[in-house]
């Protein structure tokens, strides 16, 4: 089992550059991929997206690619005259409106016409370095996801065990309901002054009434869902969506148990089952 929450970072040295790839992932129903990178790597964007989708499957995936140069090796071509012209004009405007002029150099260096790289195409060897670094980062992300998934698995085992326990705790209350309902009916007849009750008819009506309140089928189906849930979390496949569907089915059975519970202690157990199920639903949304 893997979580959709993950993080990884790797660096690789290529010639006079240090290429850094950082990936963060969160839960999402689909593969929502965002890549931020230097413009020189834009030709690799589609290939990178396909790689991330293939290796990470789904989730909100943010990938940050940065490049730093060793001292004295920056490969930029600054148009000095254009920089001065822009700076002179913008300085006059900022002073006239009382704005902060300290940010002007930073702003001007972001302009493509002022600051351009000497090369605009990535070499095959640099592309290989980029993808090697990305692969190393993906390994780290998947390791992180696996660790988080194991923690989720332990939580699921605990929650599902509690639901199973509470469903078994219902049984003693279920077996004692017949006598209690019969006593209530006879007491009500007595209050109303009704004598000479036909015992055979009373038994028939009682059976008919209890059939509506019988929870055997709900408990059987709930136990089947619990068994299937355990089988799924033991699987090595991507099961996040499947766990969500099973939790919905469990919720239907638990809700029906609650609607048929005319015993306060039974209703308390149903509430506790619902509480455990809500925790499962919340956590299953983060399972790959």
C-alpha atoms as a PDB file:
ATOM      1  CA  UNK A   1       0.000   0.000   0.000  1.00  0.00           C
ATOM      2  CA  UNK A   2       1.230   3.473  -0.892  1.00  0.00           C
ATOM      3  CA  UNK A   3       0.172   6.899   0.267  1.00  0.00           C
ATOM      4  CA  UNK A   4      -0.277   9.703  -2.240  1.00  0.00           C
ATOM      5  CA  UNK A   5       1.744  11.972   0.049  1.00  0.00           C
ATOM      6  CA  UNK A   6       5.386  11.939  -0.945  1.00  0.00           C
ATOM      7  CA  UNK A   7       8.555  13.970  -1.218  1.00  0.00           C
ATOM      8  CA  UNK A   8      11.906  13.530  -2.895  1.00  0.00           C
ATOM      9  CA  UNK A   9      14.878  15.585  -3.992  1.00  0.00           C
ATOM     10  CA  UNK A  10      18.037  14.790  -5.937  1.00  0.00           C
ATOM     11  CA  UNK A  11      20.927  16.709  -7.493  1.00  0.00           C
ATOM     12  CA  UNK A  12      23.330  15.873 -10.264  1.00  0.00           C
ATOM     13  CA  UNK A  13      26.406  17.717 -11.542  1.00  0.00           C
ATOM     14  CA  UNK A  14      26.661  18.301 -15.255  1.00  0.00           C
ATOM     15  CA  UNK A  15      29.696  20.206 -16.527  1.00  0.00           C
ATOM     16  CA  UNK A  16      29.550  23.607 -14.786  1.00  0.00           C
ATOM     17  CA  UNK A  17      25.923  23.147 -13.583  1.00  0.00           C
ATOM     18  CA  UNK A  18      24.150  21.570 -10.666  1.00  0.00           C
ATOM     19  CA  UNK A  19      20.742  20.275 -11.762  1.00  0.00           C
ATOM     20  CA  UNK A  20      18.265  19.863  -8.898  1.00  0.00           C
ATOM     21  CA  UNK A  21      14.901  18.087  -9.124  1.00  0.00           C
ATOM     22  CA  UNK A  22      12.387  18.299  -6.250  1.00  0.00           C
ATOM     23  CA  UNK A  23       8.992  16.546  -6.296  1.00  0.00           C
ATOM     24  CA  UNK A  24       6.120  16.898  -3.819  1.00  0.00           C
ATOM     25  CA  UNK A  25       2.887  14.914  -4.039  1.00  0.00           C
ATOM     26  CA  UNK A  26      -0.486  15.156  -2.296  1.00  0.00           C
ATOM     27  CA  UNK A  27      -3.798  13.337  -2.694  1.00  0.00           C
ATOM     28  CA  UNK A  28      -5.963  13.931  -5.743  1.00  0.00           C
ATOM     29  CA  UNK A  29      -8.502  11.873  -7.686  1.00  0.00           C
ATOM     30  CA  UNK A  30      -6.505  12.247 -10.905  1.00  0.00           C
ATOM     31  CA  UNK A  31      -2.926  12.980 -11.956  1.00  0.00           C
ATOM     32  CA  UNK A  32      -2.635  16.754 -11.537  1.00  0.00           C
ATOM     33  CA  UNK A  33       0.917  17.557 -12.658  1.00  0.00           C
ATOM     34  CA  UNK A  34       2.678  20.907 -12.438  1.00  0.00           C
ATOM     35  CA  UNK A  35       6.308  21.376 -13.552  1.00  0.00           C
ATOM     36  CA  UNK A  36       8.390  24.487 -12.982  1.00  0.00           C
ATOM     37  CA  UNK A  37      11.693  24.540 -14.843  1.00  0.00           C
ATOM     38  CA  UNK A  38      14.173  26.816 -16.636  1.00  0.00           C
ATOM     39  CA  UNK A  39      13.065  27.760 -20.149  1.00  0.00           C
ATOM     40  CA  UNK A  40      15.927  25.788 -21.683  1.00  0.00           C
ATOM     41  CA  UNK A  41      14.257  22.548 -20.538  1.00  0.00           C
ATOM     42  CA  UNK A  42      10.809  23.339 -21.967  1.00  0.00           C
ATOM     43  CA  UNK A  43      11.341  20.946 -24.865  1.00  0.00           C
ATOM     44  CA  UNK A  44      11.397  18.097 -22.310  1.00  0.00           C
ATOM     45  CA  UNK A  45       8.160  19.070 -20.551  1.00  0.00           C
ATOM     46  CA  UNK A  46       5.795  16.581 -22.221  1.00  0.00           C
ATOM     47  CA  UNK A  47       8.261  13.733 -21.790  1.00  0.00           C
ATOM     48  CA  UNK A  48       8.705  14.648 -18.128  1.00  0.00           C
ATOM     49  CA  UNK A  49       4.938  14.775 -17.584  1.00  0.00           C
ATOM     50  CA  UNK A  50       4.544  11.301 -19.079  1.00  0.00           C
ATOM     51  CA  UNK A  51       7.320   9.971 -16.859  1.00  0.00           C
ATOM     52  CA  UNK A  52       5.782  11.474 -13.709  1.00  0.00           C
ATOM     53  CA  UNK A  53       2.332  10.099 -14.558  1.00  0.00           C
ATOM     54  CA  UNK A  54       3.725   6.659 -15.315  1.00  0.00           C
ATOM     55  CA  UNK A  55       5.781   6.389 -12.125  1.00  0.00           C
ATOM     56  CA  UNK A  56       3.499   8.230  -9.676  1.00  0.00           C
ATOM     57  CA  UNK A  57       0.115   7.242 -11.226  1.00  0.00           C
ATOM     58  CA  UNK A  58      -2.073   9.886  -9.599  1.00  0.00           C
ATOM     59  CA  UNK A  59      -2.101  12.689  -7.064  1.00  0.00           C
ATOM     60  CA  UNK A  60      -1.315  16.401  -7.053  1.00  0.00           C
ATOM     61  CA  UNK A  61       2.268  16.334  -8.304  1.00  0.00           C
ATOM     62  CA  UNK A  62       4.480  19.433  -8.128  1.00  0.00           C
ATOM     63  CA  UNK A  63       7.910  19.166  -9.754  1.00  0.00           C
ATOM     64  CA  UNK A  64      10.548  21.900  -9.355  1.00  0.00           C
ATOM     65  CA  UNK A  65      13.655  21.853 -11.536  1.00  0.00           C
ATOM     66  CA  UNK A  66      16.407  24.368 -10.847  1.00  0.00           C
ATOM     67  CA  UNK A  67      19.902  24.938 -12.215  1.00  0.00           C
ATOM     68  CA  UNK A  68      22.773  26.644 -10.420  1.00  0.00           C
ATOM     69  CA  UNK A  69      26.158  27.464 -11.938  1.00  0.00           C
ATOM     70  CA  UNK A  70      29.580  27.186 -10.416  1.00  0.00           C
ATOM     71  CA  UNK A  71      31.305  30.465  -9.595  1.00  0.00           C
ATOM     72  CA  UNK A  72      32.357  32.432 -12.653  1.00  0.00           C
ATOM     73  CA  UNK A  73      30.563  30.159 -15.129  1.00  0.00           C
ATOM     74  CA  UNK A  74      27.190  31.818 -15.566  1.00  0.00           C
ATOM     75  CA  UNK A  75      26.219  31.568 -19.217  1.00  0.00           C
ATOM     76  CA  UNK A  76      24.025  34.625 -19.583  1.00  0.00           C
ATOM     77  CA  UNK A  77      24.081  37.410 -22.152  1.00  0.00           C
ATOM     78  CA  UNK A  78      23.022  40.686 -20.519  1.00  0.00           C
ATOM     79  CA  UNK A  79      22.231  43.542 -22.853  1.00  0.00           C
ATOM     80  CA  UNK A  80      24.008  46.246 -20.854  1.00  0.00           C
ATOM     81  CA  UNK A  81      22.833  49.226 -22.877  1.00  0.00           C
ATOM     82  CA  UNK A  82      19.181  48.101 -22.833  1.00  0.00           C
ATOM     83  CA  UNK A  83      19.442  47.490 -19.086  1.00  0.00           C
ATOM     84  CA  UNK A  84      20.687  51.062 -18.549  1.00  0.00           C
ATOM     85  CA  UNK A  85      17.966  52.558 -20.739  1.00  0.00           C
ATOM     86  CA  UNK A  86      15.204  50.667 -18.919  1.00  0.00           C
ATOM     87  CA  UNK A  87      16.687  51.475 -15.533  1.00  0.00           C
ATOM     88  CA  UNK A  88      16.896  55.210 -16.270  1.00  0.00           C
ATOM     89  CA  UNK A  89      13.267  55.377 -17.368  1.00  0.00           C
ATOM     90  CA  UNK A  90      11.913  53.258 -14.512  1.00  0.00           C
ATOM     91  CA  UNK A  91      14.027  55.079 -11.919  1.00  0.00           C
ATOM     92  CA  UNK A  92      12.444  58.387 -12.914  1.00  0.00           C
ATOM     93  CA  UNK A  93       8.950  56.876 -12.581  1.00  0.00           C
ATOM     94  CA  UNK A  94       9.588  55.189  -9.229  1.00  0.00           C
ATOM     95  CA  UNK A  95      11.057  58.353  -7.721  1.00  0.00           C
ATOM     96  CA  UNK A  96       8.120  60.413  -8.938  1.00  0.00           C
ATOM     97  CA  UNK A  97       5.616  58.104  -7.214  1.00  0.00           C
ATOM     98  CA  UNK A  98       7.774  57.312  -4.188  1.00  0.00           C
ATOM     99  CA  UNK A  99       8.082  53.598  -4.987  1.00  0.00           C
ATOM    100  CA  UNK A 100      10.902  51.278  -3.902  1.00  0.00           C
ATOM    101  CA  UNK A 101      13.711  51.437  -6.463  1.00  0.00           C
ATOM    102  CA  UNK A 102      15.731  48.581  -4.937  1.00  0.00           C
ATOM    103  CA  UNK A 103      13.690  46.006  -6.864  1.00  0.00           C
ATOM    104  CA  UNK A 104      14.399  47.525 -10.279  1.00  0.00           C
ATOM    105  CA  UNK A 105      17.544  45.450 -11.071  1.00  0.00           C
ATOM    106  CA  UNK A 106      15.744  42.241 -10.144  1.00  0.00           C
ATOM    107  CA  UNK A 107      12.776  43.128 -12.329  1.00  0.00           C
ATOM    108  CA  UNK A 108      14.913  44.089 -15.328  1.00  0.00           C
ATOM    109  CA  UNK A 109      16.929  40.872 -15.185  1.00  0.00           C
ATOM    110  CA  UNK A 110      13.700  38.900 -15.561  1.00  0.00           C
ATOM    111  CA  UNK A 111      13.069  40.438 -18.975  1.00  0.00           C
ATOM    112  CA  UNK A 112      13.963  38.166 -21.858  1.00  0.00           C
ATOM    113  CA  UNK A 113      15.210  41.053 -23.988  1.00  0.00           C
ATOM    114  CA  UNK A 114      17.648  42.128 -21.240  1.00  0.00           C
ATOM    115  CA  UNK A 115      18.835  38.793 -19.930  1.00  0.00           C
ATOM    116  CA  UNK A 116      19.035  35.853 -22.327  1.00  0.00           C
ATOM    117  CA  UNK A 117      20.890  32.556 -22.091  1.00  0.00           C
ATOM    118  CA  UNK A 118      23.682  32.020 -24.603  1.00  0.00           C
ATOM    119  CA  UNK A 119      22.148  28.701 -25.581  1.00  0.00           C
ATOM    120  CA  UNK A 120      18.451  27.995 -26.048  1.00  0.00           C
ATOM    121  CA  UNK A 121      18.627  24.249 -26.762  1.00  0.00           C
ATOM    122  CA  UNK A 122      19.476  21.405 -24.429  1.00  0.00           C
ATOM    123  CA  UNK A 123      22.138  18.901 -25.505  1.00  0.00           C
ATOM    124  CA  UNK A 124      21.484  15.152 -25.482  1.00  0.00           C
ATOM    125  CA  UNK A 125      23.984  14.633 -22.687  1.00  0.00           C
ATOM    126  CA  UNK A 126      22.372  17.330 -20.531  1.00  0.00           C
ATOM    127  CA  UNK A 127      18.940  15.835 -21.231  1.00  0.00           C
ATOM    128  CA  UNK A 128      20.218  12.462 -20.023  1.00  0.00           C
ATOM    129  CA  UNK A 129      21.530  14.108 -16.856  1.00  0.00           C
ATOM    130  CA  UNK A 130      18.166  15.781 -16.271  1.00  0.00           C
ATOM    131  CA  UNK A 131      16.224  12.541 -16.627  1.00  0.00           C
ATOM    132  CA  UNK A 132      18.707  10.598 -14.498  1.00  0.00           C
ATOM    133  CA  UNK A 133      18.217  13.164 -11.736  1.00  0.00           C
ATOM    134  CA  UNK A 134      14.437  12.924 -12.153  1.00  0.00           C
ATOM    135  CA  UNK A 135      14.571   9.128 -11.891  1.00  0.00           C
ATOM    136  CA  UNK A 136      16.545   9.340  -8.644  1.00  0.00           C
ATOM    137  CA  UNK A 137      14.003  11.799  -7.280  1.00  0.00           C
ATOM    138  CA  UNK A 138      11.111   9.498  -8.232  1.00  0.00           C
ATOM    139  CA  UNK A 139      12.738   6.619  -6.342  1.00  0.00           C
ATOM    140  CA  UNK A 140      12.912   8.820  -3.238  1.00  0.00           C
ATOM    141  CA  UNK A 141       9.260   9.891  -3.647  1.00  0.00           C
ATOM    142  CA  UNK A 142       8.041   6.304  -3.997  1.00  0.00           C
ATOM    143  CA  UNK A 143      10.068   5.235  -0.945  1.00  0.00           C
ATOM    144  CA  UNK A 144       8.434   8.046   1.006  1.00  0.00           C
ATOM    145  CA  UNK A 145       4.994   7.004  -0.265  1.00  0.00           C
ATOM    146  CA  UNK A 146       5.644   3.395   0.739  1.00  0.00           C
ATOM    147  CA  UNK A 147       6.595   4.414   4.280  1.00  0.00           C
ATOM    148  CA  UNK A 148       3.505   6.609   4.616  1.00  0.00           C
ATOM    149  CA  UNK A 149       1.391   3.795   3.180  1.00  0.00           C
ATOM    150  CA  UNK A 150       2.564   1.356   5.840  1.00  0.00           C
ATOM    151  CA  UNK A 151       1.489   3.819   8.534  1.00  0.00           C
ATOM    152  CA  UNK A 152      -1.943   4.125   6.886  1.00  0.00           C
ATOM    153  CA  UNK A 153      -2.218   0.338   6.693  1.00  0.00           C
ATOM    154  CA  UNK A 154      -1.675   0.005  10.445  1.00  0.00           C
ATOM    155  CA  UNK A 155      -4.355   2.627  11.075  1.00  0.00           C
ATOM    156  CA  UNK A 156      -6.802   0.801   8.779  1.00  0.00           C
ATOM    157  CA  UNK A 157      -6.196  -2.486  10.562  1.00  0.00           C
ATOM    158  CA  UNK A 158      -6.975  -0.843  13.888  1.00  0.00           C
ATOM    159  CA  UNK A 159     -10.132   0.953  12.664  1.00  0.00           C
ATOM    160  CA  UNK A 160     -11.571  -2.092  10.892  1.00  0.00           C
ATOM    161  CA  UNK A 161     -10.902  -4.262  13.964  1.00  0.00           C
ATOM    162  CA  UNK A 162     -12.859  -1.797  16.092  1.00  0.00           C
ATOM    163  CA  UNK A 163     -15.813  -1.871  13.681  1.00  0.00           C
ATOM    164  CA  UNK A 164     -15.804  -5.667  13.761  1.00  0.00           C
ATOM    165  CA  UNK A 165     -15.681  -5.669  17.560  1.00  0.00           C
ATOM    166  CA  UNK A 166     -18.581  -3.221  17.871  1.00  0.00           C
ATOM    167  CA  UNK A 167     -20.669  -5.263  15.417  1.00  0.00           C
ATOM    168  CA  UNK A 168     -20.117  -8.339  17.609  1.00  0.00           C
ATOM    169  CA  UNK A 169     -21.005  -6.356  20.729  1.00  0.00           C
ATOM    170  CA  UNK A 170     -24.435  -5.743  19.173  1.00  0.00           C
ATOM    171  CA  UNK A 171     -25.356  -9.464  19.279  1.00  0.00           C
ATOM    172  CA  UNK A 172     -26.234  -9.713  23.015  1.00  0.00           C
ATOM    173  CA  UNK A 173     -28.631  -6.772  22.690  1.00  0.00           C
ATOM    174  CA  UNK A 174     -30.192  -8.326  19.586  1.00  0.00           C
ATOM    175  CA  UNK A 175     -30.958 -11.658  21.306  1.00  0.00           C
ATOM    176  CA  UNK A 176     -32.633  -9.969  24.272  1.00  0.00           C
ATOM    177  CA  UNK A 177     -34.883  -7.663  22.243  1.00  0.00           C
ATOM    178  CA  UNK A 178     -37.703 -10.199  21.738  1.00  0.00           C
ATOM    179  CA  UNK A 179     -38.496 -10.522  25.433  1.00  0.00           C
ATOM    180  CA  UNK A 180     -38.196  -6.762  25.967  1.00  0.00           C
ATOM    181  CA  UNK A 181     -40.548  -5.931  23.100  1.00  0.00           C
ATOM    182  CA  UNK A 182     -43.076  -8.527  24.285  1.00  0.00           C
ATOM    183  CA  UNK A 183     -42.960  -7.116  27.837  1.00  0.00           C
ATOM    184  CA  UNK A 184     -43.520  -3.581  26.524  1.00  0.00           C
ATOM    185  CA  UNK A 185     -46.517  -4.639  24.458  1.00  0.00           C
ATOM    186  CA  UNK A 186     -48.156  -6.516  27.352  1.00  0.00           C
ATOM    187  CA  UNK A 187     -47.498  -3.573  29.671  1.00  0.00           C
ATOM    188  CA  UNK A 188     -49.125  -1.262  27.123  1.00  0.00           C
ATOM    189  CA  UNK A 189     -52.163  -3.530  26.848  1.00  0.00           C
ATOM    190  CA  UNK A 190     -52.481  -3.468  30.599  1.00  0.00           C
ATOM    191  CA  UNK A 191     -52.306   0.331  30.691  1.00  0.00           C
ATOM    192  CA  UNK A 192     -55.075   0.506  28.108  1.00  0.00           C
ATOM    193  CA  UNK A 193     -57.170  -1.994  30.071  1.00  0.00           C
ATOM    194  CA  UNK A 194     -57.157  -4.617  27.328  1.00  0.00           C
ATOM    195  CA  UNK A 195     -57.748  -8.119  28.739  1.00  0.00           C
ATOM    196  CA  UNK A 196     -57.870 -11.539  27.198  1.00  0.00           C
ATOM    197  CA  UNK A 197     -55.149 -10.980  24.585  1.00  0.00           C
ATOM    198  CA  UNK A 198     -54.989 -13.724  21.969  1.00  0.00           C
ATOM    199  CA  UNK A 199     -51.523 -15.159  22.574  1.00  0.00           C
ATOM    200  CA  UNK A 200     -51.300 -16.770  19.137  1.00  0.00           C
ATOM    201  CA  UNK A 201     -52.153 -13.497  17.402  1.00  0.00           C
ATOM    202  CA  UNK A 202     -49.742 -11.668  19.694  1.00  0.00           C
ATOM    203  CA  UNK A 203     -46.957 -14.050  18.741  1.00  0.00           C
ATOM    204  CA  UNK A 204     -47.708 -13.563  15.028  1.00  0.00           C
ATOM    205  CA  UNK A 205     -47.666  -9.786  15.309  1.00  0.00           C
ATOM    206  CA  UNK A 206     -44.527  -9.955  17.394  1.00  0.00           C
ATOM    207  CA  UNK A 207     -42.748 -12.082  14.784  1.00  0.00           C
ATOM    208  CA  UNK A 208     -43.869  -9.718  12.016  1.00  0.00           C
ATOM    209  CA  UNK A 209     -42.619  -6.713  14.002  1.00  0.00           C
ATOM    210  CA  UNK A 210     -39.278  -8.347  14.817  1.00  0.00           C
ATOM    211  CA  UNK A 211     -38.667  -9.259  11.178  1.00  0.00           C
ATOM    212  CA  UNK A 212     -38.618  -5.551  10.387  1.00  0.00           C
ATOM    213  CA  UNK A 213     -36.071  -4.988  13.152  1.00  0.00           C
ATOM    214  CA  UNK A 214     -33.897  -8.025  12.398  1.00  0.00           C
ATOM    215  CA  UNK A 215     -30.290  -7.001  11.685  1.00  0.00           C
ATOM    216  CA  UNK A 216     -28.835 -10.405  10.813  1.00  0.00           C
ATOM    217  CA  UNK A 217     -28.514  -9.647   7.101  1.00  0.00           C
ATOM    218  CA  UNK A 218     -26.883  -6.298   7.774  1.00  0.00           C
ATOM    219  CA  UNK A 219     -24.320  -7.841  10.115  1.00  0.00           C
ATOM    220  CA  UNK A 220     -23.532 -10.601   7.608  1.00  0.00           C
ATOM    221  CA  UNK A 221     -23.000  -8.108   4.768  1.00  0.00           C
ATOM    222  CA  UNK A 222     -20.947  -5.842   7.036  1.00  0.00           C
ATOM    223  CA  UNK A 223     -18.692  -8.760   7.933  1.00  0.00           C
ATOM    224  CA  UNK A 224     -18.273  -9.563   4.234  1.00  0.00           C
ATOM    225  CA  UNK A 225     -17.227  -5.969   3.546  1.00  0.00           C
ATOM    226  CA  UNK A 226     -14.776  -6.108   6.466  1.00  0.00           C
ATOM    227  CA  UNK A 227     -13.237  -9.289   5.075  1.00  0.00           C
ATOM    228  CA  UNK A 228     -12.903  -7.785   1.593  1.00  0.00           C
ATOM    229  CA  UNK A 229     -11.408  -4.585   3.050  1.00  0.00           C
ATOM    230  CA  UNK A 230      -8.698  -6.631   4.788  1.00  0.00           C
ATOM    231  CA  UNK A 231      -7.942  -8.504   1.586  1.00  0.00           C
ATOM    232  CA  UNK A 232      -7.517  -5.225  -0.270  1.00  0.00           C
ATOM    233  CA  UNK A 233      -5.139  -3.598   2.206  1.00  0.00           C
ATOM    234  CA  UNK A 234      -2.980  -6.726   2.047  1.00  0.00           C
ATOM    235  CA  UNK A 235      -2.705  -6.292  -1.740  1.00  0.00           C
ATOM    236  CA  UNK A 236       0.228  -4.580  -3.442  1.00  0.00           C
ATOM    237  CA  UNK A 237      -1.977  -2.956  -6.072  1.00  0.00           C
ATOM    238  CA  UNK A 238      -3.264   0.633  -6.196  1.00  0.00           C
ATOM    239  CA  UNK A 239      -6.392   0.285  -4.075  1.00  0.00           C
ATOM    240  CA  UNK A 240      -7.284   3.798  -2.919  1.00  0.00           C
ATOM    241  CA  UNK A 241     -10.470   4.122  -4.971  1.00  0.00           C
ATOM    242  CA  UNK A 242     -11.518   0.546  -4.147  1.00  0.00           C
ATOM    243  CA  UNK A 243     -11.193   1.216  -0.403  1.00  0.00           C
ATOM    244  CA  UNK A 244     -13.420   4.250  -0.829  1.00  0.00           C
ATOM    245  CA  UNK A 245     -16.124   2.151  -2.505  1.00  0.00           C
ATOM    246  CA  UNK A 246     -15.963  -0.529   0.207  1.00  0.00           C
ATOM    247  CA  UNK A 247     -16.231   2.141   2.909  1.00  0.00           C
ATOM    248  CA  UNK A 248     -19.404   3.446   1.227  1.00  0.00           C
ATOM    249  CA  UNK A 249     -20.944  -0.035   1.298  1.00  0.00           C
ATOM    250  CA  UNK A 250     -19.987  -0.465   4.948  1.00  0.00           C
ATOM    251  CA  UNK A 251     -21.609   2.871   5.687  1.00  0.00           C
ATOM    252  CA  UNK A 252     -24.910   1.703   4.165  1.00  0.00           C
ATOM    253  CA  UNK A 253     -25.010  -1.380   6.395  1.00  0.00           C
ATOM    254  CA  UNK A 254     -24.065   0.584   9.516  1.00  0.00           C
ATOM    255  CA  UNK A 255     -26.741   3.197   8.784  1.00  0.00           C
ATOM    256  CA  UNK A 256     -29.353   0.459   8.415  1.00  0.00           C
ATOM    257  CA  UNK A 257     -28.223  -1.038  11.727  1.00  0.00           C
ATOM    258  CA  UNK A 258     -28.772   2.351  13.302  1.00  0.00           C
ATOM    259  CA  UNK A 259     -32.252   2.756  11.828  1.00  0.00           C
ATOM    260  CA  UNK A 260     -33.269  -0.663  13.168  1.00  0.00           C
ATOM    261  CA  UNK A 261     -31.778  -0.138  16.612  1.00  0.00           C
ATOM    262  CA  UNK A 262     -34.473   0.591  19.172  1.00  0.00           C
ATOM    263  CA  UNK A 263     -32.036  -0.026  22.020  1.00  0.00           C
ATOM    264  CA  UNK A 264     -29.969   2.835  23.417  1.00  0.00           C
ATOM    265  CA  UNK A 265     -26.863   0.709  23.944  1.00  0.00           C
ATOM    266  CA  UNK A 266     -27.098  -0.629  20.387  1.00  0.00           C
ATOM    267  CA  UNK A 267     -27.300   2.917  19.052  1.00  0.00           C
ATOM    268  CA  UNK A 268     -24.158   3.847  20.984  1.00  0.00           C
ATOM    269  CA  UNK A 269     -22.313   0.988  19.292  1.00  0.00           C
ATOM    270  CA  UNK A 270     -23.582   2.146  15.898  1.00  0.00           C
ATOM    271  CA  UNK A 271     -22.293   5.662  16.606  1.00  0.00           C
ATOM    272  CA  UNK A 272     -18.863   4.249  17.487  1.00  0.00           C
ATOM    273  CA  UNK A 273     -18.829   2.222  14.255  1.00  0.00           C
ATOM    274  CA  UNK A 274     -19.666   5.369  12.288  1.00  0.00           C
ATOM    275  CA  UNK A 275     -16.832   7.217  13.996  1.00  0.00           C
ATOM    276  CA  UNK A 276     -14.310   4.534  13.019  1.00  0.00           C
ATOM    277  CA  UNK A 277     -15.680   4.453   9.467  1.00  0.00           C
ATOM    278  CA  UNK A 278     -15.302   8.217   9.057  1.00  0.00           C
ATOM    279  CA  UNK A 279     -11.617   7.883   9.955  1.00  0.00           C
ATOM    280  CA  UNK A 280     -11.265   5.174   7.313  1.00  0.00           C
ATOM    281  CA  UNK A 281     -12.948   7.384   4.690  1.00  0.00           C
ATOM    282  CA  UNK A 282     -10.671  10.315   5.473  1.00  0.00           C
ATOM    283  CA  UNK A 283      -7.513   8.234   5.309  1.00  0.00           C
ATOM    284  CA  UNK A 284      -8.528   6.193   2.256  1.00  0.00           C
ATOM    285  CA  UNK A 285      -8.688   9.451   0.274  1.00  0.00           C
ATOM    286  CA  UNK A 286      -4.875   9.601   0.616  1.00  0.00           C
ATOM    287  CA  UNK A 287      -4.223   6.026  -0.542  1.00  0.00           C
ATOM    288  CA  UNK A 288      -2.843   5.516  -4.022  1.00  0.00           C
END
